[in-house]
Amino acid sequence: MSVVIKLKRMGTKKKPTTRICVYDSRQATKARFIDQIGIYYPCKNPPEIRLDKKKAAEWIKKGALPTLAVKNILKKVK
């Protein structure tokens, strides 16, 4: 199973929040996610990141590939 870690946009107009979720890459883009590992609030100053580091590391060990945006967020957290 090919798994991807990517962002899912939530929130209202001009007040976005994004979830950091794990998806099956073979499913549609708007498909149901497998697991939610964090939340990213880009509108706060500085941007707030809530991430479960253990879950993120576990999914990456299993072979999940993070997108470029998620890689940048993970670098900020570590």
Foldseek 3Di string as FASTA:
>chain_A
DAKAWEWDWDDDPPFIKIWTFIDDVVDDPPDDTDDTFWIWGVPDVNIDIGGDVVVVVVVVVVPYHYDPVVVVVVVVVD
